[in-house]
PDB file of N, CA and C in Angstrom:
ATOM      1  N   UNK A   1      52.776 -81.797-131.585  1.00  0.00           N
ATOM      2  CA  UNK A   1      51.765 -82.227-132.509  1.00  0.00           C
ATOM      3  C   UNK A   1      51.671 -83.745-132.460  1.00  0.00           C
ATOM      4  N   UNK A   2      50.471 -84.226-132.408  1.00  0.00           N
ATOM      5  CA  UNK A   2      50.202 -85.655-132.356  1.00  0.00           C
ATOM      6  C   UNK A   2      50.011 -86.162-133.788  1.00  0.00           C
ATOM      7  N   UNK A   3      50.568 -87.326-134.080  1.00  0.00           N
ATOM      8  CA  UNK A   3      50.403 -87.943-135.394  1.00  0.00           C
ATOM      9  C   UNK A   3      49.842 -89.345-135.213  1.00  0.00           C
ATOM     10  N   UNK A   4      48.891 -89.691-136.068  1.00  0.00           N
ATOM     11  CA  UNK A   4      48.289 -91.014-135.987  1.00  0.00           C
ATOM     12  C   UNK A   4      47.890 -91.488-137.384  1.00  0.00           C
ATOM     13  N   UNK A   5      47.539 -92.751-137.481  1.00  0.00           N
ATOM     14  CA  UNK A   5      47.027 -93.299-138.741  1.00  0.00           C
ATOM     15  C   UNK A   5      45.507 -93.194-138.735  1.00  0.00           C
ATOM     16  N   UNK A   6      44.931 -93.303-139.897  1.00  0.00           N
ATOM     17  CA  UNK A   6      43.479 -93.255-139.993  1.00  0.00           C
ATOM     18  C   UNK A   6      42.835 -94.414-139.227  1.00  0.00           C
ATOM     19  N   UNK A   7      43.476 -95.580-139.260  1.00  0.00           N
ATOM     20  CA  UNK A   7      42.927 -96.741-138.546  1.00  0.00           C
ATOM     21  C   UNK A   7      42.906 -96.508-137.044  1.00  0.00           C
ATOM     22  N   UNK A   8      44.011 -96.013-136.497  1.00  0.00           N
ATOM     23  CA  UNK A   8      44.075 -95.747-135.067  1.00  0.00           C
ATOM     24  C   UNK A   8      43.121 -94.618-134.684  1.00  0.00           C
ATOM     25  N   UNK A   9      43.005 -93.620-135.557  1.00  0.00           N
ATOM     26  CA  UNK A   9      42.087 -92.515-135.288  1.00  0.00           C
ATOM     27  C   UNK A   9      40.648 -93.019-135.189  1.00  0.00           C
ATOM     28  N   UNK A  10      40.263 -93.906-136.111  1.00  0.00           N
ATOM     29  CA  UNK A  10      38.908 -94.473-136.073  1.00  0.00           C
ATOM     30  C   UNK A  10      38.646 -95.202-134.758  1.00  0.00           C
ATOM     31  N   UNK A  11      39.645 -95.949-134.288  1.00  0.00           N
ATOM     32  CA  UNK A  11      39.479 -96.728-133.050  1.00  0.00           C
ATOM     33  C   UNK A  11      39.325 -95.839-131.827  1.00  0.00           C
ATOM     34  N   UNK A  12      39.996 -94.675-131.848  1.00  0.00           N
ATOM     35  CA  UNK A  12      40.072 -93.840-130.641  1.00  0.00           C
ATOM     36  C   UNK A  12      39.608 -92.411-130.887  1.00  0.00           C
ATOM     37  N   UNK A  13      38.635 -92.228-131.764  1.00  0.00           N
ATOM     38  CA  UNK A  13      38.237 -90.885-132.170  1.00  0.00           C
ATOM     39  C   UNK A  13      37.825 -90.001-130.989  1.00  0.00           C
ATOM     40  N   UNK A  14      37.058 -90.550-130.054  1.00  0.00           N
ATOM     41  CA  UNK A  14      36.621 -89.758-128.904  1.00  0.00           C
ATOM     42  C   UNK A  14      37.823 -89.282-128.089  1.00  0.00           C
ATOM     43  N   UNK A  15      38.787 -90.143-127.874  1.00  0.00           N
ATOM     44  CA  UNK A  15      39.980 -89.768-127.118  1.00  0.00           C
ATOM     45  C   UNK A  15      40.786 -88.680-127.809  1.00  0.00           C
ATOM     46  N   UNK A  16      40.917 -88.797-129.131  1.00  0.00           N
ATOM     47  CA  UNK A  16      41.650 -87.773-129.875  1.00  0.00           C
ATOM     48  C   UNK A  16      40.936 -86.425-129.805  1.00  0.00           C
ATOM     49  N   UNK A  17      39.619 -86.443-129.989  1.00  0.00           N
ATOM     50  CA  UNK A  17      38.862 -85.194-129.926  1.00  0.00           C
ATOM     51  C   UNK A  17      38.950 -84.584-128.534  1.00  0.00           C
ATOM     52  N   UNK A  18      38.790 -85.393-127.508  1.00  0.00           N
ATOM     53  CA  UNK A  18      38.904 -84.880-126.139  1.00  0.00           C
ATOM     54  C   UNK A  18      40.269 -84.257-125.891  1.00  0.00           C
ATOM     55  N   UNK A  19      41.316 -84.909-126.389  1.00  0.00           N
ATOM     56  CA  UNK A  19      42.679 -84.404-126.174  1.00  0.00           C
ATOM     57  C   UNK A  19      42.913 -83.088-126.912  1.00  0.00           C
ATOM     58  N   UNK A  20      42.423 -82.995-128.159  1.00  0.00           N
ATOM     59  CA  UNK A  20      42.574 -81.754-128.930  1.00  0.00           C
ATOM     60  C   UNK A  20      41.866 -80.603-128.225  1.00  0.00           C
ATOM     61  N   UNK A  21      40.680 -80.851-127.724  1.00  0.00           N
ATOM     62  CA  UNK A  21      39.931 -79.805-127.026  1.00  0.00           C
ATOM     63  C   UNK A  21      40.647 -79.403-125.738  1.00  0.00           C
ATOM     64  N   UNK A  22      41.150 -80.375-124.999  1.00  0.00           N
ATOM     65  CA  UNK A  22      41.786 -80.094-123.706  1.00  0.00           C
ATOM     66  C   UNK A  22      43.140 -79.408-123.849  1.00  0.00           C
ATOM     67  N   UNK A  23      43.913 -79.799-124.856  1.00  0.00           N
ATOM     68  CA  UNK A  23      45.288 -79.298-124.965  1.00  0.00           C
ATOM     69  C   UNK A  23      45.502 -78.269-126.077  1.00  0.00           C
ATOM     70  N   UNK A  24      44.523 -78.147-126.976  1.00  0.00           N
ATOM     71  CA  UNK A  24      44.654 -77.273-128.146  1.00  0.00           C
ATOM     72  C   UNK A  24      45.790 -77.717-129.064  1.00  0.00           C
ATOM     73  N   UNK A  25      46.234 -78.966-128.912  1.00  0.00           N
ATOM     74  CA  UNK A  25      47.295 -79.519-129.736  1.00  0.00           C
ATOM     75  C   UNK A  25      46.662 -80.241-130.934  1.00  0.00           C
ATOM     76  N   UNK A  26      47.065 -79.889-132.168  1.00  0.00           N
ATOM     77  CA  UNK A  26      46.469 -80.536-133.335  1.00  0.00           C
ATOM     78  C   UNK A  26      46.881 -81.992-133.478  1.00  0.00           C
ATOM     79  N   UNK A  27      46.057 -82.737-134.200  1.00  0.00           N
ATOM     80  CA  UNK A  27      46.349 -84.134-134.512  1.00  0.00           C
ATOM     81  C   UNK A  27      46.463 -84.263-136.027  1.00  0.00           C
ATOM     82  N   UNK A  28      47.583 -84.790-136.495  1.00  0.00           N
ATOM     83  CA  UNK A  28      47.761 -85.081-137.912  1.00  0.00           C
ATOM     84  C   UNK A  28      47.339 -86.521-138.135  1.00  0.00           C
ATOM     85  N   UNK A  29      46.402 -86.714-139.058  1.00  0.00           N
ATOM     86  CA  UNK A  29      45.885 -88.041-139.356  1.00  0.00           C
ATOM     87  C   UNK A  29      46.408 -88.437-140.734  1.00  0.00           C
ATOM     88  N   UNK A  30      47.346 -89.371-140.745  1.00  0.00           N
ATOM     89  CA  UNK A  30      47.950 -89.812-142.003  1.00  0.00           C
ATOM     90  C   UNK A  30      47.033 -90.799-142.702  1.00  0.00           C
ATOM     91  N   UNK A  31      46.941 -90.624-144.014  1.00  0.00           N
ATOM     92  CA  UNK A  31      46.154 -91.542-144.847  1.00  0.00           C
ATOM     93  C   UNK A  31      46.929 -91.761-146.133  1.00  0.00           C
ATOM     94  N   UNK A  32      47.839 -92.700-146.100  1.00  0.00           N
ATOM     95  CA  UNK A  32      48.720 -92.905-147.245  1.00  0.00           C
ATOM     96  C   UNK A  32      49.658 -91.725-147.393  1.00  0.00           C
ATOM     97  N   UNK A  33      49.713 -91.163-148.598  1.00  0.00           N
ATOM     98  CA  UNK A  33      50.590 -90.017-148.829  1.00  0.00           C
ATOM     99  C   UNK A  33      49.897 -88.704-148.505  1.00  0.00           C
ATOM    100  N   UNK A  34      48.602 -88.765-148.216  1.00  0.00           N
ATOM    101  CA  UNK A  34      47.854 -87.568-147.849  1.00  0.00           C
ATOM    102  C   UNK A  34      47.435 -87.655-146.397  1.00  0.00           C
ATOM    103  N   UNK A  35      46.814 -86.622-145.919  1.00  0.00           N
ATOM    104  CA  UNK A  35      46.346 -86.639-144.550  1.00  0.00           C
ATOM    105  C   UNK A  35      45.439 -85.471-144.261  1.00  0.00           C
ATOM    106  N   UNK A  36      45.091 -85.357-143.003  1.00  0.00           N
ATOM    107  CA  UNK A  36      44.231 -84.279-142.539  1.00  0.00           C
ATOM    108  C   UNK A  36      44.712 -83.859-141.162  1.00  0.00           C
ATOM    109  N   UNK A  37      44.228 -82.706-140.723  1.00  0.00           N
ATOM    110  CA  UNK A  37      44.598 -82.202-139.405  1.00  0.00           C
ATOM    111  C   UNK A  37      43.323 -81.914-138.626  1.00  0.00           C
ATOM    112  N   UNK A  38      43.268 -82.400-137.409  1.00  0.00           N
ATOM    113  CA  UNK A  38      42.156 -82.130-136.502  1.00  0.00           C
ATOM    114  C   UNK A  38      42.603 -81.053-135.533  1.00  0.00           C
ATOM    115  N   UNK A  39      41.853 -79.942-135.495  1.00  0.00           N
ATOM    116  CA  UNK A  39      42.154 -78.867-134.554  1.00  0.00           C
ATOM    117  C   UNK A  39      40.896 -78.552-133.753  1.00  0.00           C
ATOM    118  N   UNK A  40      41.087 -77.930-132.608  1.00  0.00           N
ATOM    119  CA  UNK A  40      39.939 -77.536-131.792  1.00  0.00           C
ATOM    120  C   UNK A  40      39.180 -76.415-132.488  1.00  0.00           C
ATOM    121  N   UNK A  41      37.936 -76.230-132.107  1.00  0.00           N
ATOM    122  CA  UNK A  41      37.129 -75.157-132.676  1.00  0.00           C
ATOM    123  C   UNK A  41      37.739 -73.795-132.359  1.00  0.00           C
ATOM    124  N   UNK A  42      38.276 -73.635-131.152  1.00  0.00           N
ATOM    125  CA  UNK A  42      38.929 -72.370-130.788  1.00  0.00           C
ATOM    126  C   UNK A  42      40.107 -72.078-131.716  1.00  0.00           C
ATOM    127  N   UNK A  43      40.923 -73.098-131.981  1.00  0.00           N
ATOM    128  CA  UNK A  43      42.080 -72.928-132.857  1.00  0.00           C
ATOM    129  C   UNK A  43      41.632 -72.609-134.284  1.00  0.00           C
ATOM    130  N   UNK A  44      40.620 -73.314-134.759  1.00  0.00           N
ATOM    131  CA  UNK A  44      40.101 -73.062-136.103  1.00  0.00           C
ATOM    132  C   UNK A  44      39.594 -71.627-136.225  1.00  0.00           C
ATOM    133  N   UNK A  45      38.830 -71.178-135.251  1.00  0.00           N
ATOM    134  CA  UNK A  45      38.298 -69.809-135.290  1.00  0.00           C
ATOM    135  C   UNK A  45      39.422 -68.778-135.276  1.00  0.00           C
ATOM    136  N   UNK A  46      40.463 -69.020-134.499  1.00  0.00           N
ATOM    137  CA  UNK A  46      41.608 -68.105-134.468  1.00  0.00           C
ATOM    138  C   UNK A  46      42.302 -68.072-135.826  1.00  0.00           C
ATOM    139  N   UNK A  47      42.486 -69.227-136.437  1.00  0.00           N
ATOM    140  CA  UNK A  47      43.105 -69.283-137.765  1.00  0.00           C
ATOM    141  C   UNK A  47      42.242 -68.576-138.806  1.00  0.00           C
ATOM    142  N   UNK A  48      40.935 -68.760-138.733  1.00  0.00           N
ATOM    143  CA  UNK A  48      40.026 -68.113-139.682  1.00  0.00           C
ATOM    144  C   UNK A  48      40.061 -66.591-139.517  1.00  0.00           C
ATOM    145  N   UNK A  49      40.084 -66.116-138.265  1.00  0.00           N
ATOM    146  CA  UNK A  49      40.170 -64.662-138.029  1.00  0.00           C
ATOM    147  C   UNK A  49      41.481 -64.108-138.565  1.00  0.00           C
ATOM    148  N   UNK A  50      42.577 -64.814-138.316  1.00  0.00           N
ATOM    149  CA  UNK A  50      43.890 -64.372-138.806  1.00  0.00           C
ATOM    150  C   UNK A  50      43.897 -64.307-140.325  1.00  0.00           C
ATOM    151  N   UNK A  51      43.382 -65.327-140.979  1.00  0.00           N
ATOM    152  CA  UNK A  51      43.331 -65.338-142.443  1.00  0.00           C
ATOM    153  C   UNK A  51      42.481 -64.192-142.964  1.00  0.00           C
ATOM    154  N   UNK A  52      41.365 -63.926-142.299  1.00  0.00           N
ATOM    155  CA  UNK A  52      40.490 -62.836-142.708  1.00  0.00           C
ATOM    156  C   UNK A  52      41.195 -61.486-142.607  1.00  0.00           C
ATOM    157  N   UNK A  53      41.904 -61.276-141.510  1.00  0.00           N
ATOM    158  CA  UNK A  53      42.630 -60.016-141.317  1.00  0.00           C
ATOM    159  C   UNK A  53      43.731 -59.875-142.355  1.00  0.00           C
ATOM    160  N   UNK A  54      44.490 -60.945-142.571  1.00  0.00           N
ATOM    161  CA  UNK A  54      45.599 -60.880-143.515  1.00  0.00           C
ATOM    162  C   UNK A  54      45.133 -60.715-144.956  1.00  0.00           C
ATOM    163  N   UNK A  55      43.919 -61.185-145.263  1.00  0.00           N
ATOM    164  CA  UNK A  55      43.392 -61.078-146.617  1.00  0.00           C
ATOM    165  C   UNK A  55      42.729 -59.731-146.895  1.00  0.00           C
ATOM    166  N   UNK A  56      42.524 -58.928-145.860  1.00  0.00           N
ATOM    167  CA  UNK A  56      41.927 -57.610-146.072  1.00  0.00           C
ATOM    168  C   UNK A  56      43.036 -56.580-146.265  1.00  0.00           C
ATOM    169  N   UNK A  57      42.759 -55.557-147.029  1.00  0.00           N
ATOM    170  CA  UNK A  57      43.757 -54.510-147.272  1.00  0.00           C
ATOM    171  C   UNK A  57      44.079 -53.765-145.989  1.00  0.00           C
ATOM    172  N   UNK A  58      43.074 -53.480-145.188  1.00  0.00           N
ATOM    173  CA  UNK A  58      43.299 -52.783-143.915  1.00  0.00           C
ATOM    174  C   UNK A  58      44.183 -53.628-143.015  1.00  0.00           C
ATOM    175  N   UNK A  59      43.918 -54.923-142.935  1.00  0.00           N
ATOM    176  CA  UNK A  59      44.728 -55.815-142.119  1.00  0.00           C
ATOM    177  C   UNK A  59      46.160 -55.887-142.613  1.00  0.00           C
ATOM    178  N   UNK A  60      46.328 -55.980-143.920  1.00  0.00           N
ATOM    179  CA  UNK A  60      47.677 -56.037-144.490  1.00  0.00           C
ATOM    180  C   UNK A  60      48.432 -54.743-144.216  1.00  0.00           C
ATOM    181  N   UNK A  61      47.759 -53.616-144.369  1.00  0.00           N
ATOM    182  CA  UNK A  61      48.396 -52.320-144.100  1.00  0.00           C
ATOM    183  C   UNK A  61      48.774 -52.181-142.633  1.00  0.00           C
ATOM    184  N   UNK A  62      47.896 -52.635-141.742  1.00  0.00           N
ATOM    185  CA  UNK A  62      48.163 -52.574-140.302  1.00  0.00           C
ATOM    186  C   UNK A  62      49.354 -53.449-139.947  1.00  0.00           C
ATOM    187  N   UNK A  63      49.409 -54.645-140.510  1.00  0.00           N
ATOM    188  CA  UNK A  63      50.525 -55.548-140.250  1.00  0.00           C
ATOM    189  C   UNK A  63      51.836 -54.955-140.760  1.00  0.00           C
ATOM    190  N   UNK A  64      51.803 -54.376-141.948  1.00  0.00           N
ATOM    191  CA  UNK A  64      53.016 -53.777-142.509  1.00  0.00           C
ATOM    192  C   UNK A  64      53.503 -52.623-141.632  1.00  0.00           C
ATOM    193  N   UNK A  65      52.584 -51.790-141.174  1.00  0.00           N
ATOM    194  CA  UNK A  65      52.960 -50.668-140.308  1.00  0.00           C
ATOM    195  C   UNK A  65      53.550 -51.174-138.997  1.00  0.00           C
ATOM    196  N   UNK A  66      52.971 -52.220-138.432  1.00  0.00           N
ATOM    197  CA  UNK A  66      53.481 -52.784-137.181  1.00  0.00           C
ATOM    198  C   UNK A  66      54.871 -53.361-137.382  1.00  0.00           C
ATOM    199  N   UNK A  67      55.085 -54.024-138.494  1.00  0.00           N
ATOM    200  CA  UNK A  67      56.397 -54.597-138.772  1.00  0.00           C
ATOM    201  C   UNK A  67      57.447 -53.511-138.930  1.00  0.00           C
ATOM    202  N   UNK A  68      57.081 -52.425-139.594  1.00  0.00           N
ATOM    203  CA  UNK A  68      58.028 -51.332-139.797  1.00  0.00           C
ATOM    204  C   UNK A  68      58.423 -50.684-138.470  1.00  0.00           C
ATOM    205  N   UNK A  69      57.515 -50.674-137.509  1.00  0.00           N
ATOM    206  CA  UNK A  69      57.798 -50.076-136.204  1.00  0.00           C
ATOM    207  C   UNK A  69      58.623 -50.995-135.314  1.00  0.00           C
ATOM    208  N   UNK A  70      58.545 -52.289-135.528  1.00  0.00           N
ATOM    209  CA  UNK A  70      59.185 -53.245-134.629  1.00  0.00           C
ATOM    210  C   UNK A  70      60.469 -53.857-135.163  1.00  0.00           C
ATOM    211  N   UNK A  71      60.822 -53.558-136.387  1.00  0.00           N
ATOM    212  CA  UNK A  71      62.009 -54.157-136.966  1.00  0.00           C
ATOM    213  C   UNK A  71      63.069 -53.104-137.226  1.00  0.00           C
ATOM    214  N   UNK A  72      64.295 -53.488-137.008  1.00  0.00           N
ATOM    215  CA  UNK A  72      65.434 -52.623-137.277  1.00  0.00           C
ATOM    216  C   UNK A  72      66.231 -53.273-138.396  1.00  0.00           C
ATOM    217  N   UNK A  73      66.494 -52.503-139.437  1.00  0.00           N
ATOM    218  CA  UNK A  73      67.304 -53.041-140.522  1.00  0.00           C
ATOM    219  C   UNK A  73      68.766 -53.019-140.130  1.00  0.00           C
ATOM    220  N   UNK A  74      69.433 -54.112-140.382  1.00  0.00           N
ATOM    221  CA  UNK A  74      70.857 -54.226-140.076  1.00  0.00           C
ATOM    222  C   UNK A  74      71.566 -54.646-141.342  1.00  0.00           C
ATOM    223  N   UNK A  75      72.614 -53.925-141.694  1.00  0.00           N
ATOM    224  CA  UNK A  75      73.413 -54.279-142.852  1.00  0.00           C
ATOM    225  C   UNK A  75      74.467 -55.276-142.375  1.00  0.00           C
ATOM    226  N   UNK A  76      74.248 -56.571-142.657  1.00  0.00           N
ATOM    227  CA  UNK A  76      75.169 -57.585-142.134  1.00  0.00           C
ATOM    228  C   UNK A  76      76.530 -57.512-142.797  1.00  0.00           C
ATOM    229  N   UNK A  77      76.615 -56.903-143.972  1.00  0.00           N
ATOM    230  CA  UNK A  77      77.900 -56.766-144.636  1.00  0.00           C
ATOM    231  C   UNK A  77      78.791 -55.777-143.899  1.00  0.00           C
ATOM    232  N   UNK A  78      78.190 -54.853-143.152  1.00  0.00           N
ATOM    233  CA  UNK A  78      78.954 -53.841-142.429  1.00  0.00           C
ATOM    234  C   UNK A  78      79.465 -54.362-141.082  1.00  0.00           C
ATOM    235  N   UNK A  79      79.003 -55.504-140.672  1.00  0.00           N
ATOM    236  CA  UNK A  79      79.393 -56.026-139.354  1.00  0.00           C
ATOM    237  C   UNK A  79      80.752 -56.656-139.367  1.00  0.00           C
TER     238      UNK A  79
END
């Protein structure tokens, strides 16, 4: 993850955008104690789809079923 200040981001905005698009690596832009994150459109769309699926009951049920099939419970006290 790339981190920069708002001042440096302003100076090199085209370079940062080009890099995010090319590498899909987000840029954290610090602005005092707060900040923002620049992500590629592809990454944003993937995050939005994931949030949509997780926020739906069908998506939550599907995820829970998948987790139950892929996880094995282990009693660590018995080891």
